[in-house]
Protein backbone atom coordinates (compact mmCIF):
# COMPACT_ATOMS: atom_id res chain seq x y z
CA MET A 1 80.95 -87.89 -14.34
CA LYS A 2 77.40 -86.96 -15.35
CA LYS A 3 76.55 -83.52 -16.70
CA SER A 4 74.68 -81.31 -14.24
CA ILE A 5 72.17 -78.49 -14.67
CA SER A 6 70.75 -75.83 -12.33
CA LYS A 7 67.03 -75.70 -11.64
CA THR A 8 66.72 -72.35 -13.48
CA ASP A 9 68.49 -73.70 -16.58
CA LEU A 10 66.43 -76.90 -16.41
CA PHE A 11 63.15 -74.96 -16.37
CA ASN A 12 64.21 -72.76 -19.31
CA THR A 13 65.40 -75.81 -21.26
CA LEU A 14 62.05 -77.54 -20.73
CA VAL A 15 60.27 -74.37 -21.92
CA ALA A 16 62.47 -74.10 -25.03
CA ASN A 17 61.82 -77.76 -25.90
CA ASN A 18 58.06 -77.51 -25.11
CA ASP A 19 58.56 -80.32 -22.59
CA ILE A 20 57.09 -78.20 -19.78
CA TYR A 21 53.58 -78.71 -21.20
CA GLU A 22 53.65 -82.51 -20.99
CA ILE A 23 51.50 -83.78 -18.12
CA TYR A 24 53.85 -86.75 -17.56
CA ASN A 25 56.80 -84.41 -17.13
CA LEU A 26 54.90 -82.05 -14.81
CA LEU A 27 53.91 -84.90 -12.53
CA SER A 28 57.56 -85.95 -12.30
CA LEU A 29 58.79 -82.41 -11.65
CA PHE A 30 56.38 -81.49 -8.87
CA ASN A 31 56.14 -84.78 -6.96
CA VAL A 32 58.64 -86.69 -4.84
CA TYR A 33 60.71 -89.16 -6.90
CA MET A 34 59.06 -92.60 -6.87
CA LYS A 35 60.90 -94.69 -9.44
CA ASP A 36 62.82 -94.37 -12.70
CA ASN A 37 60.69 -93.53 -15.72
CA LYS A 38 61.10 -92.16 -19.24
CA PHE A 39 61.68 -88.62 -17.89
CA VAL A 40 63.50 -88.90 -14.53
CA LYS A 41 66.06 -91.29 -13.06
CA ALA A 42 67.74 -91.48 -9.67
CA TYR A 43 71.49 -90.81 -9.72
CA GLU A 44 73.15 -91.51 -6.36
CA ASP A 45 71.18 -89.32 -3.90
CA LYS A 46 70.07 -86.86 -6.60
CA VAL A 47 67.58 -86.91 -9.47
CA GLY A 48 68.40 -86.60 -13.14
CA VAL A 49 66.23 -85.85 -16.18
CA TYR A 50 66.53 -86.98 -19.75
CA ILE A 51 67.26 -84.12 -22.16
CA HIS A 52 67.63 -85.27 -25.77
CA GLU A 53 68.05 -88.82 -24.41
CA ASP A 54 71.01 -87.77 -22.23
CA LEU A 55 70.67 -88.04 -18.44
CA VAL A 56 71.51 -84.70 -16.78
CA VAL A 57 71.72 -84.47 -12.97
CA ILE A 58 69.80 -81.60 -11.34
CA GLU A 59 71.90 -79.51 -8.96
CA GLY A 60 70.43 -79.34 -5.45
CA SER A 61 67.93 -82.11 -6.15
CA SER A 62 67.07 -84.99 -3.82
CA THR A 63 65.21 -88.26 -4.14
CA THR A 64 63.23 -87.34 -1.01
CA GLU A 65 61.92 -83.96 -2.24
CA PRO A 66 60.17 -82.72 -5.40
CA ILE A 67 62.44 -81.23 -8.08
CA PHE A 68 60.36 -78.03 -8.03
CA ILE A 69 57.90 -76.45 -5.62
CA PRO A 70 55.73 -73.51 -6.78
CA SER A 71 57.64 -70.98 -4.60
CA ASP A 72 61.08 -71.76 -6.11
CA VAL A 73 62.61 -68.58 -7.58
CA ILE A 74 64.02 -68.74 -11.12
CA THR A 75 64.94 -66.38 -13.95
CA LEU A 76 62.70 -67.03 -16.96
CA LYS A 77 64.37 -66.32 -20.32
CA ALA A 78 62.43 -64.10 -22.73
CA GLU A 79 63.96 -65.74 -25.81
CA ASN A 80 61.67 -68.75 -25.36
CA VAL A 81 58.49 -66.94 -24.26
CA LYS A 82 56.38 -64.70 -26.52
CA CYS A 83 54.56 -62.96 -23.67
CA LEU A 84 57.87 -61.75 -22.19
CA SER A 85 59.76 -58.71 -23.49
CA LYS A 86 62.81 -59.30 -21.26
CA ASP A 87 64.16 -61.87 -18.80
CA VAL A 88 62.23 -61.82 -15.52
CA LYS A 89 62.87 -63.05 -11.99
CA THR A 90 59.79 -65.01 -11.01
CA THR A 91 58.60 -68.14 -9.21
CA VAL A 92 58.06 -71.54 -10.76
CA GLY A 93 54.34 -71.45 -9.90
CA VAL A 94 53.76 -68.03 -11.47
CA ALA A 95 55.83 -69.02 -14.51
CA LEU A 96 53.81 -72.21 -15.03
CA LEU A 97 50.51 -70.30 -14.80
CA ASN A 98 51.71 -67.77 -17.38
CA LEU A 99 53.02 -70.45 -19.72
CA ILE A 100 49.76 -72.43 -19.64
CA LEU A 101 47.19 -69.60 -19.58
CA ILE A 102 48.90 -66.78 -21.51
CA GLU A 103 51.73 -68.25 -23.58
CA LYS A 104 49.74 -71.26 -24.80
CA GLY A 105 46.18 -70.28 -23.87
CA LEU A 106 46.23 -66.79 -25.41
CA ASN A 107 49.04 -67.57 -27.85
CA GLY A 108 51.33 -65.03 -26.18
CA LYS A 109 49.11 -62.07 -27.10
CA ALA A 110 48.87 -60.82 -23.49
CA ALA A 111 51.65 -59.65 -21.19
CA TYR A 112 53.35 -61.83 -18.55
CA ILE A 113 51.76 -61.35 -15.10
CA ASN A 114 54.57 -61.53 -12.54
CA GLU A 115 52.48 -62.01 -9.39
CA ASN A 116 50.10 -64.53 -7.88
CA PHE A 117 46.94 -64.30 -9.95
CA SER A 118 43.71 -66.07 -10.78
CA ILE A 119 41.94 -66.91 -14.03
CA LYS A 120 39.63 -63.97 -13.32
CA THR A 121 42.68 -61.67 -13.28
CA VAL A 122 43.54 -62.76 -16.82
CA GLU A 123 39.95 -62.28 -17.97
CA ASN A 124 39.59 -58.77 -16.48
CA ARG A 125 43.10 -57.48 -17.12
CA GLU A 126 43.92 -59.05 -20.47
CA ILE A 127 41.02 -60.69 -22.29
CA VAL A 128 38.22 -58.08 -22.08
CA PRO A 129 40.42 -55.07 -23.02
CA ARG A 130 42.06 -56.98 -25.90
CA LEU A 131 38.75 -57.86 -27.49
CA LEU A 132 38.58 -54.17 -28.48
CA LEU A 133 42.10 -53.83 -29.87
CA THR A 134 42.63 -53.42 -33.59
CA ASP A 135 46.30 -54.35 -33.26
CA ASN A 136 46.77 -58.06 -32.52
CA PRO A 137 43.27 -58.63 -31.03
CA LEU A 138 42.03 -61.87 -29.53
CA ASP A 139 39.83 -64.02 -31.75
CA ILE A 140 37.64 -67.13 -31.43
CA GLU A 141 40.63 -69.46 -31.80
CA ASP A 142 42.38 -67.67 -28.93
CA MET A 143 39.32 -68.01 -26.68
CA TYR A 144 38.99 -71.71 -27.50
CA SER A 145 42.69 -72.19 -26.76
CA PHE A 146 42.32 -70.33 -23.45
CA ASP A 147 39.36 -72.50 -22.44
CA THR A 148 41.44 -75.61 -23.19
CA ALA A 149 44.31 -74.22 -21.10
CA VAL A 150 41.98 -73.57 -18.14
CA ARG A 151 40.70 -77.14 -18.28
CA PHE A 152 44.27 -78.45 -18.47
CA LEU A 153 45.14 -76.38 -15.39
CA GLU A 154 42.15 -77.75 -13.47
CA GLY A 155 43.40 -81.25 -14.09
CA LEU A 156 46.79 -80.41 -12.55
CA ASN A 157 45.37 -79.14 -9.26
CA ALA A 158 44.80 -82.58 -7.77
CA THR A 159 48.45 -83.57 -8.22
CA LEU A 160 50.46 -80.34 -8.14
CA VAL A 161 48.75 -78.43 -5.31
CA GLN A 162 49.45 -79.62 -1.77
CA PRO A 163 46.12 -79.41 0.11
CA THR A 164 47.46 -79.63 3.66
CA SER A 165 50.60 -80.01 5.75
CA LEU A 166 51.68 -80.75 9.30
CA LYS A 167 51.97 -77.03 10.05
CA ALA A 168 48.50 -76.37 8.66
CA LEU A 169 47.07 -78.91 11.12
CA LEU A 170 48.87 -77.55 14.17
CA PRO A 171 48.80 -74.29 16.18
CA PRO A 172 51.88 -72.07 16.52
CA PRO A 173 54.16 -73.41 19.29
CA ASP A 174 53.31 -72.12 22.81
CA ILE A 175 50.50 -69.94 21.44
CA ALA A 176 48.52 -70.12 24.73
CA LYS A 177 51.51 -68.77 26.72
CA LYS A 178 52.21 -66.09 24.12
CA LYS A 179 48.56 -65.02 24.12
CA ALA A 180 48.50 -64.78 27.92
CA LYS A 181 51.68 -62.67 27.85
CA ILE A 182 50.23 -60.26 25.26
CA ILE A 183 46.96 -59.91 27.21
CA LYS A 184 48.90 -59.16 30.42
CA GLU A 185 51.03 -56.53 28.68
CA MET A 186 47.98 -54.86 27.10
CA VAL A 187 46.10 -54.75 30.43
CA GLU A 188 49.13 -53.13 32.08
CA LYS A 189 49.39 -50.62 29.25
CA TYR A 190 45.72 -49.77 28.60
CA GLY A 191 43.92 -50.76 31.82
CA LYS A 192 41.94 -53.76 33.02
CA ASP A 193 38.80 -52.78 31.05
CA CYS A 194 40.65 -52.23 27.76
CA PHE A 195 39.12 -55.25 26.02
CA GLU A 196 35.64 -53.78 26.34
CA ASP A 197 36.82 -51.53 23.51
CA PRO A 198 36.91 -53.43 20.19
CA ILE A 199 39.99 -51.44 19.15
CA TYR A 200 42.13 -53.21 21.74
CA THR A 201 40.54 -56.60 21.07
CA THR A 202 41.38 -56.12 17.41
CA GLU A 203 44.96 -55.16 18.32
CA LEU A 204 45.24 -58.42 20.28
CA GLU A 205 43.91 -60.43 17.34
CA GLU A 206 46.35 -58.78 14.94
CA GLN A 207 49.31 -59.69 17.18
CA LEU A 208 48.10 -63.31 17.27
CA PHE A 209 47.61 -63.27 13.48
CA ALA A 210 51.23 -62.14 13.09
CA ILE A 211 52.47 -65.05 15.23
CA ASP A 212 50.39 -67.53 13.22
CA ARG A 213 51.51 -66.05 9.90
CA GLU A 214 55.16 -66.34 10.96
CA TRP A 215 54.55 -69.98 11.94
CA MET A 216 53.02 -70.72 8.52
CA LYS A 217 55.71 -68.78 6.62
CA GLY A 218 57.21 -70.89 3.85
CA ASP A 219 54.57 -73.60 4.18
CA PRO A 220 53.45 -74.87 0.74
CA THR A 221 49.77 -74.65 1.73
CA LEU A 222 49.93 -70.95 2.64
CA ASP A 223 47.54 -68.90 0.46
CA ILE A 224 46.27 -72.13 -1.16
CA GLY A 225 44.77 -74.59 1.31
CA SER A 226 45.47 -72.06 4.06
CA ASP A 227 44.02 -69.03 2.27
CA GLY A 228 42.65 -65.80 3.76
CA LYS A 229 39.41 -67.38 4.99
CA ILE A 230 41.22 -70.29 6.61
CA MET A 231 43.84 -68.07 8.24
CA ASN A 232 41.46 -65.32 9.36
CA THR A 233 38.51 -67.42 10.45
CA THR A 234 39.14 -71.15 10.82
CA ARG A 235 42.68 -71.08 12.22
CA LYS A 236 41.85 -68.04 14.32
CA LYS A 237 38.91 -69.69 16.10
CA LEU A 238 40.58 -73.09 16.28
CA PHE A 239 44.05 -72.08 17.50
CA LEU A 240 44.21 -68.37 18.44
CA MET A 241 40.97 -67.07 19.96
CA ILE A 242 37.30 -67.23 19.07
CA GLY A 243 37.39 -63.45 19.29
CA GLN A 244 34.66 -60.94 18.55
CA ASP A 245 31.45 -62.40 17.16
CA THR A 246 28.52 -60.61 15.59
CA ALA A 247 25.38 -61.22 17.61
CA MET A 248 21.75 -61.56 16.60
CA PRO A 249 19.68 -58.34 16.63
CA GLY A 250 18.73 -57.51 20.22
CA THR A 251 21.68 -59.34 21.75
CA THR A 252 25.10 -58.06 22.78
CA PRO A 253 28.21 -59.07 20.78
CA GLY A 254 30.74 -60.92 22.90
CA THR A 255 34.49 -61.45 22.90
CA VAL A 256 35.86 -64.92 23.69
CA PHE A 257 39.59 -65.04 24.43
CA ARG A 258 39.94 -68.80 24.44
CA SER A 259 40.27 -70.83 21.25
CA LEU A 260 38.45 -74.05 20.46
CA THR A 261 41.60 -76.03 21.32
CA ASP A 262 42.34 -74.35 24.66
CA GLY A 263 41.63 -77.41 26.81
CA TYR A 264 38.23 -79.08 26.98
CA GLY A 265 34.74 -77.73 27.56
CA LEU A 266 33.50 -74.15 27.56
CA ASP A 267 33.68 -71.46 30.21
CA PRO A 268 30.10 -70.63 31.31
CA GLU A 269 30.59 -66.90 30.68
CA ASP A 270 31.57 -67.62 27.06
CA VAL A 271 28.59 -69.80 26.14
CA THR A 272 26.19 -66.93 25.36
CA ALA A 273 28.61 -65.15 23.03
CA ILE A 274 29.60 -68.36 21.21
CA PHE A 275 26.02 -69.51 20.57
CA ASN A 276 24.86 -66.02 19.59
CA GLY A 277 27.63 -66.00 17.00
CA ILE A 278 26.64 -69.42 15.65
CA ILE A 279 22.98 -68.43 15.36
CA ALA A 280 23.85 -65.09 13.73
CA GLY A 281 26.00 -66.86 11.16
CA ASN A 282 23.25 -69.28 10.13
CA TYR A 283 20.68 -66.50 10.02
CA SER A 284 22.93 -64.34 7.84
CA LYS A 285 23.62 -67.23 5.46
CA GLY A 286 19.96 -67.33 4.46
CA LYS A 287 19.20 -63.63 4.81
CA GLU A 288 22.16 -62.30 2.82
CA THR A 289 21.55 -64.83 0.02
CA GLN A 290 17.94 -63.65 -0.13
CA VAL A 291 19.06 -60.01 -0.32
CA GLY A 292 21.40 -60.77 -3.24
CA GLY A 293 18.65 -62.58 -5.13
CA THR A 294 16.18 -59.77 -4.46
CA TYR A 295 18.56 -57.17 -5.88
CA ALA A 296 19.11 -59.31 -8.97
CA LYS A 297 15.34 -59.48 -9.62
CA LEU A 298 14.90 -55.75 -9.03
CA LEU A 299 17.73 -54.87 -11.40
CA ILE A 300 16.31 -57.16 -14.11
CA ARG A 301 12.94 -55.39 -13.83
CA VAL A 302 14.45 -51.91 -13.79
CA SER A 303 16.90 -52.48 -16.64
CA SER A 304 14.84 -54.64 -19.01
CA GLY A 305 13.98 -51.64 -21.20
CA MET A 306 17.42 -50.07 -21.25
CA LYS A 307 19.23 -49.97 -24.56
CA VAL A 308 22.05 -48.22 -26.37
CA GLY A 309 20.58 -46.00 -29.08
CA VAL A 310 22.04 -42.78 -30.52
CA ASP A 311 25.74 -42.34 -31.24
CA ASP A 312 26.33 -39.28 -29.05
CA CYS A 313 23.96 -37.42 -26.74
CA GLY A 314 26.31 -34.43 -26.64
CA SER A 315 26.91 -34.53 -22.86
CA THR A 316 29.88 -32.48 -21.69
CA GLU A 317 29.79 -33.86 -18.15
CA GLY A 318 31.98 -36.76 -17.13
CA PHE A 319 33.58 -38.63 -14.27
CA ILE A 320 37.21 -37.74 -13.51
CA THR A 321 39.20 -40.92 -12.91
CA ASP A 322 42.79 -41.48 -11.78
CA ILE A 323 44.26 -43.80 -14.42
CA ASN A 324 47.41 -45.84 -13.83
CA LYS A 325 49.02 -49.06 -15.07
CA ASP A 326 46.86 -51.15 -12.72
CA ASN A 327 43.46 -49.98 -14.00
CA ALA A 328 44.10 -48.56 -17.48
CA LYS A 329 43.13 -51.73 -19.35
CA GLY A 330 39.70 -51.74 -17.74
CA PHE A 331 38.91 -48.42 -19.44
CA TYR A 332 39.95 -49.35 -22.99
CA GLY A 333 36.97 -48.70 -25.26
CA ARG A 334 35.53 -45.99 -23.00
CA TYR A 335 35.39 -42.35 -24.14
CA TYR A 336 37.22 -39.52 -22.40
CA MET A 337 37.00 -35.77 -23.05
CA ASN A 338 39.78 -33.31 -23.70
CA LYS A 339 39.76 -29.74 -22.37
CA ALA A 340 37.44 -28.71 -25.20
CA LYS A 341 34.99 -31.43 -24.05
CA GLU A 342 35.48 -33.41 -27.27
CA PRO A 343 35.16 -37.21 -26.84
CA PHE A 344 37.94 -39.61 -27.84
CA VAL A 345 38.27 -43.37 -27.47
CA PHE A 346 40.61 -44.37 -24.64
CA SER A 347 42.90 -47.12 -25.88
CA LYS A 348 46.29 -48.68 -25.26
CA GLU A 349 47.80 -46.29 -27.78
CA VAL A 350 46.31 -43.30 -25.94
CA TYR A 351 47.58 -44.57 -22.58
CA ASP A 352 51.06 -45.29 -23.95
CA LYS A 353 51.19 -41.72 -25.30
CA HIS A 354 49.75 -39.78 -22.33
CA GLY A 355 50.51 -42.16 -19.45
CA ASP A 356 49.14 -41.98 -15.90
CA GLY A 357 46.91 -39.10 -14.89
CA TYR A 358 43.36 -37.88 -14.46
CA TYR A 359 41.00 -38.50 -17.38
CA ASN A 360 37.47 -37.13 -17.69
CA PHE A 361 35.40 -40.12 -18.86
CA ARG A 362 31.93 -39.98 -20.33
CA THR A 363 29.52 -42.01 -18.22
CA LYS A 364 25.99 -43.39 -18.40
CA ALA A 365 25.27 -41.60 -15.13
CA LYS A 366 25.46 -38.27 -16.98
CA CYS A 367 24.05 -39.34 -20.34
CA PHE A 368 21.45 -36.92 -21.82
CA SER A 369 19.72 -39.49 -24.03
CA PRO A 370 15.92 -39.45 -23.53
CA GLY A 371 13.94 -42.13 -21.69
CA SER A 372 15.69 -45.38 -20.92
CA GLU A 373 18.23 -45.05 -23.71
CA PHE A 374 21.96 -44.42 -23.42
CA CYS A 375 24.20 -43.14 -26.18
CA LYS A 376 27.14 -45.14 -27.53
CA THR A 377 29.67 -42.54 -26.44
CA CYS A 378 28.59 -42.53 -22.79
CA SER A 379 28.29 -46.35 -22.82
CA GLY A 380 31.65 -47.13 -24.41
CA ASP A 381 32.41 -49.51 -27.24
CA ILE A 382 31.93 -52.72 -25.21
CA HIS A 383 28.27 -52.00 -24.35
CA ALA A 384 27.54 -50.30 -27.65
CA GLU A 385 28.21 -53.58 -29.48
CA TYR A 386 25.03 -55.05 -28.01
CA GLU A 387 21.93 -52.86 -27.94
CA PHE A 388 20.53 -54.29 -24.69
CA GLY A 389 23.89 -54.95 -23.01
CA SER A 390 23.38 -52.36 -20.26
CA GLY A 391 20.74 -54.45 -18.49
CA HIS A 392 22.93 -57.55 -18.53
CA ASN A 393 25.84 -55.55 -17.18
CA LEU A 394 23.77 -54.34 -14.24
CA LEU A 395 23.32 -57.93 -13.07
CA GLN A 396 27.02 -57.92 -12.19
CA LEU A 397 26.15 -55.30 -9.57
CA ALA A 398 23.71 -57.69 -7.90
CA GLY A 399 26.40 -60.36 -7.90
CA ASP A 400 28.87 -57.93 -6.32
CA ILE A 401 26.36 -57.04 -3.59
CA LEU A 402 25.74 -60.72 -2.83
CA ASN A 403 29.47 -61.49 -2.88
CA ALA A 404 30.25 -58.64 -0.47
CA SER A 405 27.47 -59.75 1.87
CA MET A 406 28.59 -63.38 1.87
CA LYS A 407 32.21 -62.40 2.44
CA ALA A 408 31.20 -60.22 5.37
CA MET A 409 29.36 -63.19 6.87
CA HIS A 410 31.97 -65.88 6.23
CA ALA A 411 35.39 -64.28 6.47
CA ASN A 412 35.06 -60.71 7.65
CA VAL A 413 37.86 -59.68 10.00
CA MET A 414 38.15 -56.47 11.98
CA SER A 415 41.44 -54.67 11.44
CA LEU A 416 43.04 -51.44 12.58
CA GLN A 417 43.65 -48.71 10.03
CA TYR A 418 45.59 -45.60 10.97
CA PHE A 419 44.51 -42.36 9.32
CA PRO A 420 46.98 -39.42 9.60
CA LEU A 421 44.64 -36.46 10.08
CA HIS A 422 47.27 -33.76 9.62
CA ASP A 423 48.22 -35.19 6.21
CA ASN A 424 44.65 -35.46 4.94
CA ILE A 425 42.80 -32.40 6.23
CA HIS A 426 43.33 -29.21 4.26
């Protein structure tokens, strides 16, 4: 009888042996078994892998399904992973990202991120703050290694990420009947004119979103090929309801209850709202892009003479910020003031000692340096390293404005937020 191994033990064994980083092995682990090769072999109706030249059968495996999918839950052992301080319950997808980007890419110098994350998350949360550390900082070799890891990850996308599925191409079962039932119940509850109020139209959309989300639950494309934009915009209009559309200036926004797949043709009363929405979208695409570019040019002109000059302007005014584990790293290298208004560098050591709380940070907005200069203390160590860094940093603001505008145009969704007045008015 062949030896067997659980999926969790298999993953940890591959990590310990550095076999998890081999592209050949990854392709075999995340794709349906095709034929025997140097890494996998069919054994009856299961799949086995070669570990030290011995074939070991994987418990719960099948020749008709991949050995792993990204959502599989495992326990990753800390003894084989530098970026882990203790064993952690995680998913295969998150573990693989951490192993490639942090364990190998940053040589284990950053902490394991046990959540779905992007490359930008690693850059903002781990790389930028650690460039300022004196204890185990990142260096040029680390950055080169990280760049290599990112490129390796890009190459895996085409084979490891499932772009679509049968569920992703279909509406939730009986969605038209369910929608009609919800509309009837809301009219009985709120009155026949309730959908003239966008609050109730939004409530209807949210109930339909919930049905669609439940239908897509567990689908491998969810949050990948079927991300927020697809779920909230494309699938909504295609399968749920066209909904509320922004209209061109001077026209009235309309609400269309039918979806694009509710039978054939268009109801005459819906045509105006649908075409106003299409025109408004195309208009915004050009207009909002223009606005973002305009702000970028204005900020370049305004900030071209800004520079970091004197060490400390002596300002005793700051910006009180609520610091916690989620945002602390973004403030490393900034200066905060104690009760005596004396400035100190905020660092990992300071945060570990004092923990969460309100810190009074020095800020460029309240810098007393003359003219277009800022002092190093109000700027923080990151900007003080480069004399004219403030102007370059401002360009990020233009990018954020453009990004917010484009998101509002492409994938903005109305939602209901409940605000408890009695708990928030003092």
